Structures are given as C-alpha cells and as structure tokens.
Protein backbone atom coordinates (compact mmCIF):
# COMPACT_ATOMS: atom_id res chain seq x y z
CA MET A 1 3.64 -22.16 -28.33
CA LYS A 2 7.32 -23.02 -29.03
CA LYS A 3 9.30 -23.95 -25.93
CA GLY A 4 12.28 -21.89 -24.82
CA ILE A 5 11.60 -18.69 -26.82
CA HIS A 6 9.36 -16.79 -24.52
CA PRO A 7 10.45 -14.77 -21.48
CA GLU A 8 9.63 -16.08 -17.96
CA TYR A 9 6.41 -14.53 -16.61
CA HIS A 10 6.59 -14.25 -12.81
CA GLU A 11 5.39 -12.15 -9.85
CA ILE A 12 7.27 -8.99 -8.86
CA ASN A 13 6.77 -6.13 -6.29
CA VAL A 14 6.24 -2.54 -7.54
CA VAL A 15 6.88 0.43 -5.21
CA MET A 16 5.20 3.71 -6.25
CA THR A 17 6.77 7.18 -5.62
CA ASP A 18 4.60 7.69 -2.48
CA GLY A 19 5.81 4.39 -0.95
CA THR A 20 2.74 2.29 -1.64
CA ALA A 21 3.52 -1.19 -3.05
CA PHE A 22 1.65 -3.91 -4.97
CA LYS A 23 2.34 -7.20 -6.60
CA THR A 24 1.95 -7.78 -10.31
CA LYS A 25 3.08 -10.24 -12.96
CA SER A 26 5.86 -9.21 -15.33
CA THR A 27 8.74 -10.43 -17.50
CA TRP A 28 11.01 -7.83 -15.79
CA GLY A 29 13.62 -9.12 -13.30
CA LYS A 30 13.35 -12.31 -11.38
CA GLU A 31 10.62 -13.79 -9.17
CA GLY A 32 10.16 -11.56 -6.07
CA ASP A 33 12.34 -8.66 -7.37
CA THR A 34 11.26 -5.13 -6.45
CA LEU A 35 10.74 -2.42 -9.08
CA THR A 36 10.95 1.05 -7.59
CA LEU A 37 9.43 3.74 -9.77
CA ASP A 38 10.90 7.26 -10.19
CA ILE A 39 7.78 8.64 -11.92
CA ASP A 40 4.29 7.23 -11.86
CA ALA A 41 0.71 8.39 -12.33
CA LYS A 42 0.68 9.95 -8.89
CA SER A 43 3.64 12.17 -9.58
CA HIS A 44 3.71 12.75 -13.33
CA PRO A 45 2.63 16.31 -14.32
CA ALA A 46 0.62 14.94 -17.24
CA TRP A 47 -1.82 13.41 -14.73
CA THR A 48 -1.38 15.75 -11.76
CA GLY A 49 -1.57 19.06 -13.60
CA GLY A 50 1.48 20.37 -11.73
CA GLN A 51 4.67 21.86 -12.91
CA GLN A 52 7.07 19.64 -14.82
CA LYS A 53 9.84 18.20 -12.69
CA LEU A 54 13.04 16.95 -14.23
CA VAL A 55 14.31 13.72 -12.71
CA ASP A 56 17.87 12.89 -13.70
CA THR A 57 18.60 9.74 -11.78
CA GLY A 58 21.16 8.36 -14.23
CA GLY A 59 23.04 11.53 -15.12
CA GLN A 60 21.55 11.48 -18.66
CA VAL A 61 20.70 15.20 -18.72
CA ALA A 62 24.14 16.14 -17.56
CA LYS A 63 25.65 13.78 -20.14
CA PHE A 64 23.55 15.35 -22.86
CA ASN A 65 24.41 18.95 -21.81
CA LYS A 66 28.12 18.17 -21.73
CA ARG A 67 27.95 16.53 -25.16
CA PHE A 68 26.17 19.42 -26.83
CA GLU A 69 27.44 22.41 -24.83
CA GLY A 70 29.27 23.95 -27.83
CA LEU A 71 26.34 23.71 -30.21
CA LYS A 72 24.95 27.12 -31.20
CA ILE A 73 21.42 27.26 -32.61
CA LYS A 74 20.67 30.30 -34.76
C-alpha cells in the first residue's frame, strides 16, 4: 500500500438511539470520538414495522419546504 493516501483507521464509540453503546473501528472522526445515531436498526420503520417517523435534526426538511413552497404540481 502507498503511504499517506489512506484514511486513519481507529476505534470510536457508537451510541444507539436507545442509549446502548459499543466500540468499533472506523475512519470517521478521531480516536475515541463518539458517534450518536439519530436512526438505527432498532428505531427505523423498515426493520421495526412501525409508522414512518420524520427526523429533521438539521432543518433540511424545513429548508426544502421553504425552497419549493411556490411550486405547483398539476
């Protein structure tokens, strides 16, 4: 392998939506960082069979609605 072209592979902490946590290896973040999930297999409707729940943590849905509010579809 060529040196200096591959991302660093290190251990991080992952926190699921129900609060459980585990350690895994990843190229995300830095060594020891914590990745908190908004949606995972325990809460996603595709795996739980429940009603779809819209999670808008970054305001993306509101931004989309504002951008296309005047668009009329026939």
